[in-house]
Amino acid sequence: MVIRAGYGDKMVELDLKGEVCPYTFVKTKLKLEELESGEELVILFDHAPAVENVPRSLKNEGHKIMGIEQPEDKLWKVKVRKA
């Protein structure tokens, strides 16, 4: 797992490549607990079910999904803003 802080406005990247559900959601939730409201987290997944499950669960908890992109085959980036 790689965590990288952004520059300027606070953004954190959480690399969950190689992780599977439900660990993808658990680790995302733990990382979000470290952030302040309004800060953004970019999560990298290579487990396709996580791309559906994690954003849905985060949205149900009140967080805002800012975007989902697929920069490569079998790699997704999910950007979320903490509520």
C-alpha atoms as a PDB file:
ATOM      1  CA  MET A   1       0.000   0.000   0.000  1.00  0.00           C
ATOM      2  CA  VAL A   2       1.417   3.377  -1.041  1.00  0.00           C
ATOM      3  CA  ILE A   3       0.141   6.632   0.429  1.00  0.00           C
ATOM      4  CA  ARG A   4       1.164   9.869  -1.202  1.00  0.00           C
ATOM      5  CA  ALA A   5       0.193  13.342  -0.029  1.00  0.00           C
ATOM      6  CA  GLY A   6      -0.551  15.879  -2.727  1.00  0.00           C
ATOM      7  CA  TYR A   7       0.759  19.412  -3.016  1.00  0.00           C
ATOM      8  CA  GLY A   8      -1.285  22.562  -2.520  1.00  0.00           C
ATOM      9  CA  ASP A   9      -4.769  21.421  -1.666  1.00  0.00           C
ATOM     10  CA  LYS A  10      -4.682  18.266   0.439  1.00  0.00           C
ATOM     11  CA  MET A  11      -5.146  15.091  -1.548  1.00  0.00           C
ATOM     12  CA  VAL A  12      -4.016  11.642  -0.536  1.00  0.00           C
ATOM     13  CA  GLU A  13      -3.517   8.638  -2.791  1.00  0.00           C
ATOM     14  CA  LEU A  14      -4.179   5.124  -1.523  1.00  0.00           C
ATOM     15  CA  ASP A  15      -2.790   2.322  -3.688  1.00  0.00           C
ATOM     16  CA  LEU A  16      -4.898  -0.805  -3.174  1.00  0.00           C
ATOM     17  CA  LYS A  17      -3.667  -2.751  -6.179  1.00  0.00           C
ATOM     18  CA  GLY A  18      -3.587  -6.427  -5.273  1.00  0.00           C
ATOM     19  CA  GLU A  19      -6.267  -6.026  -2.586  1.00  0.00           C
ATOM     20  CA  VAL A  20      -9.724  -7.623  -2.864  1.00  0.00           C
ATOM     21  CA  CYS A  21     -13.128  -6.933  -1.336  1.00  0.00           C
ATOM     22  CA  PRO A  22     -13.901  -6.434   1.512  1.00  0.00           C
ATOM     23  CA  TYR A  23     -10.350  -5.289   2.349  1.00  0.00           C
ATOM     24  CA  THR A  24     -10.543  -2.554  -0.272  1.00  0.00           C
ATOM     25  CA  PHE A  25     -13.453  -0.914   1.561  1.00  0.00           C
ATOM     26  CA  VAL A  26     -12.001  -1.444   5.047  1.00  0.00           C
ATOM     27  CA  LYS A  27      -8.645   0.108   4.117  1.00  0.00           C
ATOM     28  CA  THR A  28     -10.364   2.986   2.297  1.00  0.00           C
ATOM     29  CA  LYS A  29     -12.555   3.698   5.306  1.00  0.00           C
ATOM     30  CA  LEU A  30      -9.567   3.650   7.681  1.00  0.00           C
ATOM     31  CA  LYS A  31      -7.666   6.095   5.455  1.00  0.00           C
ATOM     32  CA  LEU A  32     -10.694   8.425   5.241  1.00  0.00           C
ATOM     33  CA  GLU A  33     -10.840   8.521   9.049  1.00  0.00           C
ATOM     34  CA  GLU A  34      -7.393  10.173   9.004  1.00  0.00           C
ATOM     35  CA  LEU A  35      -8.565  12.991   6.711  1.00  0.00           C
ATOM     36  CA  GLU A  36     -10.427  16.179   7.513  1.00  0.00           C
ATOM     37  CA  SER A  37     -13.853  16.914   6.075  1.00  0.00           C
ATOM     38  CA  GLY A  38     -13.509  18.252   2.522  1.00  0.00           C
ATOM     39  CA  GLU A  39     -10.164  16.588   1.827  1.00  0.00           C
ATOM     40  CA  GLU A  40      -9.909  14.238  -1.129  1.00  0.00           C
ATOM     41  CA  LEU A  41      -8.693  10.685  -1.431  1.00  0.00           C
ATOM     42  CA  VAL A  42      -7.695   8.995  -4.702  1.00  0.00           C
ATOM     43  CA  ILE A  43      -7.912   5.215  -4.485  1.00  0.00           C
ATOM     44  CA  LEU A  44      -6.251   2.895  -7.020  1.00  0.00           C
ATOM     45  CA  PHE A  45      -7.909  -0.483  -7.590  1.00  0.00           C
ATOM     46  CA  ASP A  46      -7.169  -3.424  -9.859  1.00  0.00           C
ATOM     47  CA  HIS A  47     -10.021  -5.550  -8.443  1.00  0.00           C
ATOM     48  CA  ALA A  48     -13.090  -4.876 -10.622  1.00  0.00           C
ATOM     49  CA  PRO A  49     -15.751  -5.566  -7.937  1.00  0.00           C
ATOM     50  CA  ALA A  50     -14.155  -2.894  -5.731  1.00  0.00           C
ATOM     51  CA  VAL A  51     -14.859  -0.248  -8.378  1.00  0.00           C
ATOM     52  CA  GLU A  52     -18.595  -0.802  -7.863  1.00  0.00           C
ATOM     53  CA  ASN A  53     -18.692  -1.751  -4.197  1.00  0.00           C
ATOM     54  CA  VAL A  54     -16.393   0.817  -2.595  1.00  0.00           C
ATOM     55  CA  PRO A  55     -17.903   3.964  -4.203  1.00  0.00           C
ATOM     56  CA  ARG A  56     -21.429   2.730  -3.456  1.00  0.00           C
ATOM     57  CA  SER A  57     -20.566   2.097   0.198  1.00  0.00           C
ATOM     58  CA  LEU A  58     -18.775   5.445   0.546  1.00  0.00           C
ATOM     59  CA  LYS A  59     -21.727   7.282  -0.999  1.00  0.00           C
ATOM     60  CA  ASN A  60     -24.055   5.532   1.460  1.00  0.00           C
ATOM     61  CA  GLU A  61     -21.879   6.911   4.271  1.00  0.00           C
ATOM     62  CA  GLY A  62     -22.306  10.460   2.929  1.00  0.00           C
ATOM     63  CA  HIS A  63     -19.016  10.940   1.096  1.00  0.00           C
ATOM     64  CA  LYS A  64     -19.000  12.445  -2.406  1.00  0.00           C
ATOM     65  CA  ILE A  65     -17.629  10.438  -5.322  1.00  0.00           C
ATOM     66  CA  MET A  66     -15.789  12.988  -7.466  1.00  0.00           C
ATOM     67  CA  GLY A  67     -15.010  10.642 -10.319  1.00  0.00           C
ATOM     68  CA  ILE A  68     -14.031   7.207 -11.510  1.00  0.00           C
ATOM     69  CA  GLU A  69     -11.590   6.724 -14.357  1.00  0.00           C
ATOM     70  CA  GLN A  70      -9.813   3.786 -15.918  1.00  0.00           C
ATOM     71  CA  PRO A  71      -6.345   4.948 -16.996  1.00  0.00           C
ATOM     72  CA  GLU A  72      -5.239   1.405 -17.918  1.00  0.00           C
ATOM     73  CA  ASP A  73      -6.739  -1.998 -18.505  1.00  0.00           C
ATOM     74  CA  LYS A  74      -7.626  -3.473 -15.095  1.00  0.00           C
ATOM     75  CA  LEU A  75      -6.697  -0.277 -13.219  1.00  0.00           C
ATOM     76  CA  TRP A  76      -9.219   2.214 -11.853  1.00  0.00           C
ATOM     77  CA  LYS A  77      -8.882   5.514  -9.995  1.00  0.00           C
ATOM     78  CA  VAL A  78     -11.699   6.558  -7.694  1.00  0.00           C
ATOM     79  CA  LYS A  79     -11.639  10.077  -6.307  1.00  0.00           C
ATOM     80  CA  VAL A  80     -13.721  10.762  -3.205  1.00  0.00           C
ATOM     81  CA  ARG A  81     -14.245  13.870  -1.043  1.00  0.00           C
ATOM     82  CA  LYS A  82     -14.684  13.199   2.657  1.00  0.00           C
ATOM     83  CA  ALA A  83     -18.000  14.382   4.094  1.00  0.00           C
END
